[in-house]
Amino acid sequence: MRWKVVTAMLLLALNNITYAQIADVSGVGEDRDSALRDAKRNAVEQVVGTYINSET
């Protein structure tokens, strides 16, 4: 039973690795943490895109 769970987890992990992409981005901020947060947001926007949903 245990090896079935481990095998399933490995297959799921390998599936996610095959869809990995490399994004070359930069971030701007007042300190290192805010610049890193901005760079991560920019990387996600570059790979996935930006979706805006607004209701009034």
PDB file of N, CA and C in Angstrom:
ATOM      1  N   MET A   1       0.830  -1.196   0.000  1.00  0.00           N
ATOM      2  CA  MET A   1       0.000   0.000   0.000  1.00  0.00           C
ATOM      3  C   MET A   1       0.873   1.258   0.000  1.00  0.00           C
ATOM      4  N   ARG A   2       1.931   1.224   0.809  1.00  0.00           N
ATOM      5  CA  ARG A   2       2.792   2.397   0.932  1.00  0.00           C
ATOM      6  C   ARG A   2       3.496   2.718  -0.381  1.00  0.00           C
ATOM      7  N   TRP A   3       3.950   1.689  -1.108  1.00  0.00           N
ATOM      8  CA  TRP A   3       4.654   1.937  -2.366  1.00  0.00           C
ATOM      9  C   TRP A   3       3.720   2.496  -3.423  1.00  0.00           C
ATOM     10  N   LYS A   4       2.435   2.180  -3.353  1.00  0.00           N
ATOM     11  CA  LYS A   4       1.468   2.747  -4.294  1.00  0.00           C
ATOM     12  C   LYS A   4       1.326   4.248  -4.085  1.00  0.00           C
ATOM     13  N   VAL A   5       1.302   4.664  -2.836  1.00  0.00           N
ATOM     14  CA  VAL A   5       1.197   6.094  -2.518  1.00  0.00           C
ATOM     15  C   VAL A   5       2.451   6.828  -2.971  1.00  0.00           C
ATOM     16  N   VAL A   6       3.614   6.240  -2.709  1.00  0.00           N
ATOM     17  CA  VAL A   6       4.867   6.864  -3.115  1.00  0.00           C
ATOM     18  C   VAL A   6       4.955   6.952  -4.636  1.00  0.00           C
ATOM     19  N   THR A   7       4.561   5.909  -5.326  1.00  0.00           N
ATOM     20  CA  THR A   7       4.569   5.915  -6.790  1.00  0.00           C
ATOM     21  C   THR A   7       3.635   6.980  -7.342  1.00  0.00           C
ATOM     22  N   ALA A   8       2.460   7.093  -6.782  1.00  0.00           N
ATOM     23  CA  ALA A   8       1.509   8.110  -7.236  1.00  0.00           C
ATOM     24  C   ALA A   8       2.056   9.511  -7.009  1.00  0.00           C
ATOM     25  N   MET A   9       2.692   9.740  -5.867  1.00  0.00           N
ATOM     26  CA  MET A   9       3.257  11.055  -5.586  1.00  0.00           C
ATOM     27  C   MET A   9       4.388  11.387  -6.552  1.00  0.00           C
ATOM     28  N   LEU A  10       5.231  10.415  -6.873  1.00  0.00           N
ATOM     29  CA  LEU A  10       6.318  10.643  -7.824  1.00  0.00           C
ATOM     30  C   LEU A  10       5.790  10.949  -9.220  1.00  0.00           C
ATOM     31  N   LEU A  11       4.760  10.248  -9.639  1.00  0.00           N
ATOM     32  CA  LEU A  11       4.172  10.510 -10.954  1.00  0.00           C
ATOM     33  C   LEU A  11       3.562  11.905 -11.027  1.00  0.00           C
ATOM     34  N   LEU A  12       2.912  12.327  -9.961  1.00  0.00           N
ATOM     35  CA  LEU A  12       2.348  13.676  -9.938  1.00  0.00           C
ATOM     36  C   LEU A  12       3.448  14.729  -9.950  1.00  0.00           C
ATOM     37  N   ALA A  13       4.530  14.489  -9.229  1.00  0.00           N
ATOM     38  CA  ALA A  13       5.640  15.436  -9.204  1.00  0.00           C
ATOM     39  C   ALA A  13       6.300  15.527 -10.572  1.00  0.00           C
ATOM     40  N   LEU A  14       6.502  14.409 -11.230  1.00  0.00           N
ATOM     41  CA  LEU A  14       7.104  14.419 -12.569  1.00  0.00           C
ATOM     42  C   LEU A  14       6.215  15.121 -13.575  1.00  0.00           C
ATOM     43  N   ASN A  15       4.922  14.994 -13.433  1.00  0.00           N
ATOM     44  CA  ASN A  15       3.987  15.667 -14.325  1.00  0.00           C
ATOM     45  C   ASN A  15       4.129  17.182 -14.200  1.00  0.00           C
ATOM     46  N   ASN A  16       4.288  17.702 -12.997  1.00  0.00           N
ATOM     47  CA  ASN A  16       4.443  19.141 -12.796  1.00  0.00           C
ATOM     48  C   ASN A  16       5.780  19.638 -13.312  1.00  0.00           C
ATOM     49  N   ILE A  17       6.821  18.845 -13.213  1.00  0.00           N
ATOM     50  CA  ILE A  17       8.138  19.252 -13.671  1.00  0.00           C
ATOM     51  C   ILE A  17       8.145  19.428 -15.186  1.00  0.00           C
ATOM     52  N   THR A  18       7.413  18.611 -15.905  1.00  0.00           N
ATOM     53  CA  THR A  18       7.426  18.695 -17.368  1.00  0.00           C
ATOM     54  C   THR A  18       6.815  19.989 -17.866  1.00  0.00           C
ATOM     55  N   TYR A  19       5.986  20.648 -17.084  1.00  0.00           N
ATOM     56  CA  TYR A  19       5.357  21.897 -17.493  1.00  0.00           C
ATOM     57  C   TYR A  19       6.096  23.125 -16.955  1.00  0.00           C
ATOM     58  N   ALA A  20       7.257  22.945 -16.359  1.00  0.00           N
ATOM     59  CA  ALA A  20       8.009  24.067 -15.810  1.00  0.00           C
ATOM     60  C   ALA A  20       8.543  24.947 -16.929  1.00  0.00           C
ATOM     61  N   GLN A  21       8.582  26.255 -16.669  1.00  0.00           N
ATOM     62  CA  GLN A  21       9.113  27.217 -17.618  1.00  0.00           C
ATOM     63  C   GLN A  21      10.111  28.110 -16.909  1.00  0.00           C
ATOM     64  N   ILE A  22      11.048  28.652 -17.678  1.00  0.00           N
ATOM     65  CA  ILE A  22      12.026  29.580 -17.131  1.00  0.00           C
ATOM     66  C   ILE A  22      11.652  30.982 -17.579  1.00  0.00           C
ATOM     67  N   ALA A  23      11.548  31.888 -16.629  1.00  0.00           N
ATOM     68  CA  ALA A  23      11.209  33.280 -16.924  1.00  0.00           C
ATOM     69  C   ALA A  23      12.348  34.165 -16.434  1.00  0.00           C
ATOM     70  N   ASP A  24      12.826  35.055 -17.285  1.00  0.00           N
ATOM     71  CA  ASP A  24      13.886  35.992 -16.923  1.00  0.00           C
ATOM     72  C   ASP A  24      13.231  37.338 -16.629  1.00  0.00           C
ATOM     73  N   VAL A  25      13.124  37.674 -15.343  1.00  0.00           N
ATOM     74  CA  VAL A  25      12.434  38.896 -14.930  1.00  0.00           C
ATOM     75  C   VAL A  25      13.285  39.657 -13.920  1.00  0.00           C
ATOM     76  N   SER A  26      12.874  40.879 -13.650  1.00  0.00           N
ATOM     77  CA  SER A  26      13.514  41.671 -12.602  1.00  0.00           C
ATOM     78  C   SER A  26      12.427  42.304 -11.751  1.00  0.00           C
ATOM     79  N   GLY A  27      12.797  42.733 -10.570  1.00  0.00           N
ATOM     80  CA  GLY A  27      11.852  43.350  -9.661  1.00  0.00           C
ATOM     81  C   GLY A  27      12.421  44.618  -9.057  1.00  0.00           C
ATOM     82  N   VAL A  28      11.538  45.526  -8.713  1.00  0.00           N
ATOM     83  CA  VAL A  28      11.923  46.803  -8.128  1.00  0.00           C
ATOM     84  C   VAL A  28      11.211  46.949  -6.791  1.00  0.00           C
ATOM     85  N   GLY A  29      11.926  47.462  -5.792  1.00  0.00           N
ATOM     86  CA  GLY A  29      11.319  47.673  -4.491  1.00  0.00           C
ATOM     87  C   GLY A  29      12.230  48.466  -3.588  1.00  0.00           C
ATOM     88  N   GLU A  30      11.684  48.868  -2.456  1.00  0.00           N
ATOM     89  CA  GLU A  30      12.445  49.664  -1.494  1.00  0.00           C
ATOM     90  C   GLU A  30      13.523  48.838  -0.793  1.00  0.00           C
ATOM     91  N   ASP A  31      13.274  47.542  -0.612  1.00  0.00           N
ATOM     92  CA  ASP A  31      14.258  46.661   0.003  1.00  0.00           C
ATOM     93  C   ASP A  31      14.289  45.340  -0.767  1.00  0.00           C
ATOM     94  N   ARG A  32      15.137  44.422  -0.318  1.00  0.00           N
ATOM     95  CA  ARG A  32      15.315  43.160  -1.027  1.00  0.00           C
ATOM     96  C   ARG A  32      14.030  42.343  -1.072  1.00  0.00           C
ATOM     97  N   ASP A  33      13.300  42.288   0.029  1.00  0.00           N
ATOM     98  CA  ASP A  33      12.083  41.485   0.090  1.00  0.00           C
ATOM     99  C   ASP A  33      11.010  41.999  -0.865  1.00  0.00           C
ATOM    100  N   SER A  34      10.805  43.304  -0.904  1.00  0.00           N
ATOM    101  CA  SER A  34       9.781  43.841  -1.797  1.00  0.00           C
ATOM    102  C   SER A  34      10.201  43.700  -3.262  1.00  0.00           C
ATOM    103  N   ALA A  35      11.499  43.804  -3.560  1.00  0.00           N
ATOM    104  CA  ALA A  35      11.970  43.592  -4.935  1.00  0.00           C
ATOM    105  C   ALA A  35      11.802  42.139  -5.348  1.00  0.00           C
ATOM    106  N   LEU A  36      12.073  41.207  -4.440  1.00  0.00           N
ATOM    107  CA  LEU A  36      11.883  39.790  -4.729  1.00  0.00           C
ATOM    108  C   LEU A  36      10.404  39.478  -4.943  1.00  0.00           C
ATOM    109  N   ARG A  37       9.530  40.043  -4.134  1.00  0.00           N
ATOM    110  CA  ARG A  37       8.088  39.849  -4.283  1.00  0.00           C
ATOM    111  C   ARG A  37       7.614  40.392  -5.630  1.00  0.00           C
ATOM    112  N   ASP A  38       8.128  41.548  -6.040  1.00  0.00           N
ATOM    113  CA  ASP A  38       7.774  42.129  -7.329  1.00  0.00           C
ATOM    114  C   ASP A  38       8.274  41.260  -8.476  1.00  0.00           C
ATOM    115  N   ALA A  39       9.483  40.703  -8.352  1.00  0.00           N
ATOM    116  CA  ALA A  39      10.030  39.832  -9.396  1.00  0.00           C
ATOM    117  C   ALA A  39       9.213  38.553  -9.530  1.00  0.00           C
ATOM    118  N   LYS A  40       8.779  37.991  -8.412  1.00  0.00           N
ATOM    119  CA  LYS A  40       7.935  36.789  -8.464  1.00  0.00           C
ATOM    120  C   LYS A  40       6.606  37.088  -9.145  1.00  0.00           C
ATOM    121  N   ARG A  41       6.011  38.221  -8.810  1.00  0.00           N
ATOM    122  CA  ARG A  41       4.743  38.602  -9.441  1.00  0.00           C
ATOM    123  C   ARG A  41       4.938  38.799 -10.938  1.00  0.00           C
ATOM    124  N   ASN A  42       6.033  39.439 -11.334  1.00  0.00           N
ATOM    125  CA  ASN A  42       6.321  39.644 -12.749  1.00  0.00           C
ATOM    126  C   ASN A  42       6.536  38.327 -13.483  1.00  0.00           C
ATOM    127  N   ALA A  43       7.181  37.350 -12.829  1.00  0.00           N
ATOM    128  CA  ALA A  43       7.403  36.041 -13.446  1.00  0.00           C
ATOM    129  C   ALA A  43       6.083  35.326 -13.690  1.00  0.00           C
ATOM    130  N   VAL A  44       5.194  35.366 -12.718  1.00  0.00           N
ATOM    131  CA  VAL A  44       3.890  34.717 -12.885  1.00  0.00           C
ATOM    132  C   VAL A  44       3.097  35.408 -13.999  1.00  0.00           C
ATOM    133  N   GLU A  45       3.132  36.731 -14.034  1.00  0.00           N
ATOM    134  CA  GLU A  45       2.424  37.455 -15.094  1.00  0.00           C
ATOM    135  C   GLU A  45       2.994  37.124 -16.465  1.00  0.00           C
ATOM    136  N   GLN A  46       4.305  36.947 -16.563  1.00  0.00           N
ATOM    137  CA  GLN A  46       4.925  36.650 -17.852  1.00  0.00           C
ATOM    138  C   GLN A  46       4.547  35.253 -18.332  1.00  0.00           C
ATOM    139  N   VAL A  47       4.516  34.271 -17.441  1.00  0.00           N
ATOM    140  CA  VAL A  47       4.261  32.896 -17.833  1.00  0.00           C
ATOM    141  C   VAL A  47       2.771  32.628 -17.994  1.00  0.00           C
ATOM    142  N   VAL A  48       1.969  33.030 -17.016  1.00  0.00           N
ATOM    143  CA  VAL A  48       0.541  32.705 -17.006  1.00  0.00           C
ATOM    144  C   VAL A  48      -0.278  33.778 -17.692  1.00  0.00           C
ATOM    145  N   GLY A  49       0.087  35.012 -17.486  1.00  0.00           N
ATOM    146  CA  GLY A  49      -0.692  36.134 -18.004  1.00  0.00           C
ATOM    147  C   GLY A  49      -1.376  36.846 -16.855  1.00  0.00           C
ATOM    148  N   THR A  50      -2.042  37.922 -17.199  1.00  0.00           N
ATOM    149  CA  THR A  50      -2.737  38.707 -16.193  1.00  0.00           C
ATOM    150  C   THR A  50      -4.237  38.623 -16.443  1.00  0.00           C
ATOM    151  N   TYR A  51      -4.970  38.300 -15.403  1.00  0.00           N
ATOM    152  CA  TYR A  51      -6.420  38.235 -15.498  1.00  0.00           C
ATOM    153  C   TYR A  51      -7.006  39.254 -14.528  1.00  0.00           C
ATOM    154  N   ILE A  52      -7.890  40.093 -15.021  1.00  0.00           N
ATOM    155  CA  ILE A  52      -8.544  41.092 -14.170  1.00  0.00           C
ATOM    156  C   ILE A  52     -10.041  40.842 -14.236  1.00  0.00           C
ATOM    157  N   ASN A  53     -10.656  40.695 -13.079  1.00  0.00           N
ATOM    158  CA  ASN A  53     -12.086  40.509 -12.983  1.00  0.00           C
ATOM    159  C   ASN A  53     -12.623  41.617 -12.076  1.00  0.00           C
ATOM    160  N   SER A  54     -13.531  42.427 -12.599  1.00  0.00           N
ATOM    161  CA  SER A  54     -14.019  43.560 -11.821  1.00  0.00           C
ATOM    162  C   SER A  54     -15.540  43.582 -11.830  1.00  0.00           C
ATOM    163  N   GLU A  55     -16.105  43.879 -10.693  1.00  0.00           N
ATOM    164  CA  GLU A  55     -17.552  44.045 -10.587  1.00  0.00           C
ATOM    165  C   GLU A  55     -17.830  45.360  -9.879  1.00  0.00           C
ATOM    166  N   THR A  56     -18.862  46.046 -10.312  1.00  0.00           N
ATOM    167  CA  THR A  56     -19.255  47.293  -9.657  1.00  0.00           C
ATOM    168  C   THR A  56     -20.651  47.193  -9.119  1.00  0.00           C
TER     169      THR A  56
END
